[in-house]
Amino acid sequence: MVDLGEVKEQLTHVLDPEIGINVVDLGLIYDISEPRDGQVNIKMTLTTPDCPLHEGFLDAVEGAVAPVNGVEYVKVDVVFDPPWTPDRMNQDVRKQLGIQ
């Protein structure tokens, strides 16, 4: 069994290269689950469907999670429903970016 808390912690090391804030605090991670032993499914979104960094984000998320003890396979699904809004961001991040 994989420690999903550790998976989430590892995802805090995946930064948006434009603003240097991690995907968890940006509210881009919608769900983390382990439907079968060793398989981690991550449901995430991007701030826009046309994000030019789409593939890079997927690779970074997979790369951050793969070393976690017990992880044998990482599946990342990018979804846009519900749509991302700044309200999904961590409150401290919103404040840091001047979004109230």
N, C-alpha and C. Protein backbone atom coordinates (compact mmCIF):
# COMPACT_ATOMS: atom_id res chain seq x y z
N MET A 1 0.84 -1.18 0.00
CA MET A 1 0.00 0.00 0.00
C MET A 1 0.88 1.25 0.00
N VAL A 2 0.52 2.21 -0.82
CA VAL A 2 1.27 3.45 -0.97
C VAL A 2 0.74 4.49 0.01
N ASP A 3 1.64 5.26 0.60
CA ASP A 3 1.27 6.36 1.49
C ASP A 3 0.88 7.55 0.61
N LEU A 4 -0.42 7.80 0.46
CA LEU A 4 -0.89 8.87 -0.43
C LEU A 4 -0.52 10.25 0.10
N GLY A 5 -0.33 10.36 1.40
CA GLY A 5 0.16 11.62 1.97
C GLY A 5 1.57 11.92 1.48
N GLU A 6 2.39 10.88 1.38
CA GLU A 6 3.75 11.06 0.86
C GLU A 6 3.69 11.43 -0.63
N VAL A 7 2.76 10.83 -1.35
CA VAL A 7 2.59 11.17 -2.77
C VAL A 7 2.27 12.66 -2.88
N LYS A 8 1.33 13.13 -2.08
CA LYS A 8 0.96 14.55 -2.13
C LYS A 8 2.15 15.43 -1.76
N GLU A 9 2.91 15.01 -0.76
CA GLU A 9 4.10 15.77 -0.36
C GLU A 9 5.10 15.85 -1.52
N GLN A 10 5.31 14.74 -2.21
CA GLN A 10 6.23 14.74 -3.36
C GLN A 10 5.75 15.68 -4.45
N LEU A 11 4.44 15.79 -4.61
CA LEU A 11 3.90 16.69 -5.64
C LEU A 11 4.15 18.16 -5.32
N THR A 12 4.45 18.47 -4.07
CA THR A 12 4.77 19.86 -3.74
C THR A 12 6.13 20.28 -4.31
N HIS A 13 6.86 19.32 -4.87
CA HIS A 13 8.14 19.64 -5.50
C HIS A 13 7.99 19.90 -6.99
N VAL A 14 6.78 19.76 -7.52
CA VAL A 14 6.51 20.03 -8.94
C VAL A 14 6.04 21.48 -9.03
N LEU A 15 6.89 22.31 -9.60
CA LEU A 15 6.62 23.75 -9.64
C LEU A 15 6.15 24.21 -11.01
N ASP A 16 5.25 25.18 -10.98
CA ASP A 16 4.89 25.88 -12.21
C ASP A 16 6.11 26.74 -12.56
N PRO A 17 6.73 26.52 -13.71
CA PRO A 17 7.96 27.24 -14.03
C PRO A 17 7.79 28.74 -14.21
N GLU A 18 6.59 29.18 -14.49
CA GLU A 18 6.37 30.62 -14.69
C GLU A 18 6.30 31.38 -13.38
N ILE A 19 5.71 30.77 -12.34
CA ILE A 19 5.54 31.51 -11.09
C ILE A 19 6.20 30.82 -9.90
N GLY A 20 6.75 29.63 -10.10
CA GLY A 20 7.51 28.96 -9.05
C GLY A 20 6.69 28.47 -7.87
N ILE A 21 5.42 28.20 -8.08
CA ILE A 21 4.55 27.69 -7.02
C ILE A 21 4.16 26.27 -7.39
N ASN A 22 4.07 25.41 -6.38
CA ASN A 22 3.83 23.99 -6.66
C ASN A 22 2.39 23.70 -7.05
N VAL A 23 2.21 22.56 -7.72
CA VAL A 23 0.91 22.19 -8.28
C VAL A 23 -0.14 21.91 -7.20
N VAL A 24 0.29 21.51 -6.02
CA VAL A 24 -0.66 21.26 -4.92
C VAL A 24 -1.22 22.59 -4.43
N ASP A 25 -0.34 23.54 -4.11
CA ASP A 25 -0.79 24.83 -3.60
C ASP A 25 -1.55 25.64 -4.66
N LEU A 26 -1.27 25.38 -5.92
CA LEU A 26 -2.02 26.04 -6.99
C LEU A 26 -3.42 25.45 -7.16
N GLY A 27 -3.68 24.32 -6.51
CA GLY A 27 -4.99 23.69 -6.62
C GLY A 27 -5.18 22.91 -7.90
N LEU A 28 -4.07 22.49 -8.51
CA LEU A 28 -4.16 21.75 -9.77
C LEU A 28 -4.38 20.25 -9.55
N ILE A 29 -4.13 19.76 -8.34
CA ILE A 29 -4.33 18.34 -8.04
C ILE A 29 -5.74 18.17 -7.48
N TYR A 30 -6.56 17.43 -8.20
CA TYR A 30 -7.95 17.23 -7.80
C TYR A 30 -8.14 15.97 -6.96
N ASP A 31 -7.36 14.92 -7.26
CA ASP A 31 -7.56 13.67 -6.54
C ASP A 31 -6.32 12.80 -6.67
N ILE A 32 -6.03 12.06 -5.60
CA ILE A 32 -4.95 11.08 -5.59
C ILE A 32 -5.56 9.80 -5.02
N SER A 33 -5.42 8.70 -5.75
CA SER A 33 -6.00 7.44 -5.26
C SER A 33 -5.08 6.27 -5.61
N GLU A 34 -5.35 5.16 -4.95
CA GLU A 34 -4.63 3.92 -5.22
C GLU A 34 -5.67 2.81 -5.44
N PRO A 35 -6.18 2.69 -6.67
CA PRO A 35 -7.23 1.71 -6.93
C PRO A 35 -6.76 0.26 -6.79
N ARG A 36 -5.48 0.05 -7.01
CA ARG A 36 -4.87 -1.28 -6.83
C ARG A 36 -3.52 -1.07 -6.18
N ASP A 37 -3.06 -2.05 -5.43
CA ASP A 37 -1.75 -1.93 -4.79
C ASP A 37 -0.69 -1.54 -5.81
N GLY A 38 0.02 -0.47 -5.51
CA GLY A 38 1.12 -0.02 -6.35
C GLY A 38 0.74 0.89 -7.49
N GLN A 39 -0.54 1.04 -7.78
CA GLN A 39 -0.98 1.93 -8.86
C GLN A 39 -1.52 3.21 -8.25
N VAL A 40 -0.91 4.32 -8.60
CA VAL A 40 -1.36 5.61 -8.11
C VAL A 40 -1.99 6.37 -9.27
N ASN A 41 -3.24 6.76 -9.08
CA ASN A 41 -3.95 7.58 -10.07
C ASN A 41 -4.02 9.00 -9.54
N ILE A 42 -3.67 9.93 -10.40
CA ILE A 42 -3.72 11.34 -10.05
C ILE A 42 -4.62 12.03 -11.05
N LYS A 43 -5.61 12.72 -10.53
CA LYS A 43 -6.48 13.53 -11.37
C LYS A 43 -6.05 14.98 -11.15
N MET A 44 -5.66 15.62 -12.23
CA MET A 44 -5.20 17.00 -12.11
C MET A 44 -5.74 17.82 -13.27
N THR A 45 -5.59 19.11 -13.12
CA THR A 45 -6.00 20.02 -14.18
C THR A 45 -4.86 20.97 -14.46
N LEU A 46 -5.07 21.82 -15.41
CA LEU A 46 -4.13 22.89 -15.74
C LEU A 46 -4.91 24.20 -15.69
N THR A 47 -4.22 25.29 -15.59
CA THR A 47 -4.93 26.57 -15.49
C THR A 47 -5.66 26.90 -16.78
N THR A 48 -5.21 26.31 -17.88
CA THR A 48 -5.86 26.53 -19.17
C THR A 48 -5.68 25.28 -20.04
N PRO A 49 -6.68 24.91 -20.83
CA PRO A 49 -6.52 23.74 -21.71
C PRO A 49 -5.39 23.89 -22.73
N ASP A 50 -5.02 25.12 -23.05
CA ASP A 50 -3.98 25.37 -24.05
C ASP A 50 -2.59 25.51 -23.44
N CYS A 51 -2.43 25.07 -22.22
CA CYS A 51 -1.15 25.22 -21.52
C CYS A 51 -0.01 24.61 -22.34
N PRO A 52 0.99 25.41 -22.70
CA PRO A 52 2.10 24.89 -23.50
C PRO A 52 2.99 23.94 -22.72
N LEU A 53 2.84 23.90 -21.40
CA LEU A 53 3.67 23.05 -20.55
C LEU A 53 2.99 21.73 -20.19
N HIS A 54 1.90 21.41 -20.87
CA HIS A 54 1.09 20.24 -20.57
C HIS A 54 1.95 18.97 -20.40
N GLU A 55 2.70 18.59 -21.41
CA GLU A 55 3.50 17.37 -21.35
C GLU A 55 4.57 17.44 -20.27
N GLY A 56 5.17 18.61 -20.11
CA GLY A 56 6.18 18.78 -19.08
C GLY A 56 5.62 18.58 -17.68
N PHE A 57 4.42 19.08 -17.45
CA PHE A 57 3.76 18.88 -16.15
C PHE A 57 3.49 17.40 -15.90
N LEU A 58 2.99 16.71 -16.89
CA LEU A 58 2.70 15.28 -16.73
C LEU A 58 3.97 14.51 -16.39
N ASP A 59 5.03 14.79 -17.12
CA ASP A 59 6.30 14.11 -16.86
C ASP A 59 6.81 14.43 -15.45
N ALA A 60 6.69 15.68 -15.04
CA ALA A 60 7.17 16.09 -13.72
C ALA A 60 6.36 15.43 -12.61
N VAL A 61 5.05 15.34 -12.79
CA VAL A 61 4.19 14.70 -11.79
C VAL A 61 4.53 13.22 -11.68
N GLU A 62 4.63 12.55 -12.80
CA GLU A 62 5.00 11.13 -12.78
C GLU A 62 6.36 10.93 -12.15
N GLY A 63 7.32 11.78 -12.51
CA GLY A 63 8.67 11.66 -11.98
C GLY A 63 8.75 11.91 -10.49
N ALA A 64 7.91 12.79 -9.98
CA ALA A 64 7.91 13.08 -8.54
C ALA A 64 7.32 11.94 -7.73
N VAL A 65 6.33 11.26 -8.30
CA VAL A 65 5.60 10.22 -7.57
C VAL A 65 6.27 8.86 -7.70
N ALA A 66 6.89 8.57 -8.82
CA ALA A 66 7.45 7.24 -9.08
C ALA A 66 8.39 6.73 -7.98
N PRO A 67 9.23 7.57 -7.36
CA PRO A 67 10.14 7.05 -6.34
C PRO A 67 9.50 6.74 -4.98
N VAL A 68 8.26 7.11 -4.78
CA VAL A 68 7.60 6.86 -3.50
C VAL A 68 7.52 5.35 -3.26
N ASN A 69 7.84 4.95 -2.05
CA ASN A 69 7.84 3.54 -1.68
C ASN A 69 6.50 2.87 -2.03
N GLY A 70 6.58 1.77 -2.77
CA GLY A 70 5.40 0.99 -3.12
C GLY A 70 4.77 1.36 -4.45
N VAL A 71 5.18 2.48 -5.04
CA VAL A 71 4.59 2.90 -6.32
C VAL A 71 5.20 2.07 -7.45
N GLU A 72 4.34 1.40 -8.19
CA GLU A 72 4.76 0.62 -9.34
C GLU A 72 4.33 1.26 -10.66
N TYR A 73 3.25 2.02 -10.61
CA TYR A 73 2.70 2.63 -11.82
C TYR A 73 1.99 3.92 -11.44
N VAL A 74 2.20 4.96 -12.23
CA VAL A 74 1.54 6.25 -12.01
C VAL A 74 0.71 6.58 -13.25
N LYS A 75 -0.55 6.86 -13.03
CA LYS A 75 -1.44 7.26 -14.12
C LYS A 75 -1.93 8.67 -13.81
N VAL A 76 -1.67 9.59 -14.73
CA VAL A 76 -2.10 10.98 -14.56
C VAL A 76 -3.18 11.28 -15.58
N ASP A 77 -4.34 11.66 -15.09
CA ASP A 77 -5.44 12.08 -15.95
C ASP A 77 -5.60 13.59 -15.82
N VAL A 78 -5.53 14.27 -16.95
CA VAL A 78 -5.77 15.72 -16.97
C VAL A 78 -7.23 15.94 -17.29
N VAL A 79 -7.90 16.66 -16.41
CA VAL A 79 -9.32 16.93 -16.58
C VAL A 79 -9.56 18.44 -16.52
N PHE A 80 -10.67 18.86 -17.09
CA PHE A 80 -11.02 20.28 -17.05
C PHE A 80 -12.43 20.49 -16.49
N ASP A 81 -12.92 19.46 -15.82
CA ASP A 81 -14.24 19.56 -15.19
C ASP A 81 -14.11 19.00 -13.78
N PRO A 82 -14.24 19.80 -12.76
CA PRO A 82 -14.63 21.20 -12.84
C PRO A 82 -13.46 22.07 -13.31
N PRO A 83 -13.78 23.18 -13.94
CA PRO A 83 -12.72 24.07 -14.41
C PRO A 83 -11.93 24.63 -13.22
N TRP A 84 -10.65 24.82 -13.45
CA TRP A 84 -9.80 25.43 -12.44
C TRP A 84 -10.15 26.91 -12.32
N THR A 85 -10.15 27.41 -11.09
CA THR A 85 -10.27 28.84 -10.83
C THR A 85 -9.28 29.18 -9.73
N PRO A 86 -8.91 30.45 -9.59
CA PRO A 86 -8.00 30.84 -8.52
C PRO A 86 -8.52 30.49 -7.12
N ASP A 87 -9.80 30.26 -6.97
CA ASP A 87 -10.35 29.87 -5.68
C ASP A 87 -9.80 28.53 -5.20
N ARG A 88 -9.28 27.72 -6.10
CA ARG A 88 -8.72 26.42 -5.74
C ARG A 88 -7.33 26.54 -5.12
N MET A 89 -6.71 27.70 -5.27
CA MET A 89 -5.37 27.91 -4.72
C MET A 89 -5.40 27.95 -3.20
N ASN A 90 -4.29 27.55 -2.62
CA ASN A 90 -4.06 27.72 -1.19
C ASN A 90 -4.21 29.21 -0.86
N GLN A 91 -4.83 29.50 0.28
CA GLN A 91 -5.09 30.90 0.66
C GLN A 91 -3.81 31.72 0.72
N ASP A 92 -2.73 31.15 1.22
CA ASP A 92 -1.45 31.88 1.29
C ASP A 92 -0.92 32.21 -0.09
N VAL A 93 -1.11 31.30 -1.03
CA VAL A 93 -0.68 31.54 -2.40
C VAL A 93 -1.49 32.66 -3.03
N ARG A 94 -2.80 32.64 -2.82
CA ARG A 94 -3.64 33.72 -3.35
C ARG A 94 -3.17 35.06 -2.81
N LYS A 95 -2.88 35.09 -1.53
CA LYS A 95 -2.41 36.34 -0.91
C LYS A 95 -1.07 36.75 -1.52
N GLN A 96 -0.16 35.79 -1.67
CA GLN A 96 1.16 36.05 -2.24
C GLN A 96 1.05 36.63 -3.65
N LEU A 97 0.07 36.15 -4.41
CA LEU A 97 -0.12 36.61 -5.79
C LEU A 97 -1.05 37.83 -5.88
N GLY A 98 -1.53 38.30 -4.74
CA GLY A 98 -2.40 39.47 -4.74
C GLY A 98 -3.81 39.18 -5.18
N ILE A 99 -4.24 37.92 -5.00
CA ILE A 99 -5.59 37.51 -5.37
C ILE A 99 -6.37 37.29 -4.09
N GLN A 100 -7.42 38.01 -3.90
CA GLN A 100 -8.22 37.86 -2.67
C GLN A 100 -9.52 37.28 -2.98
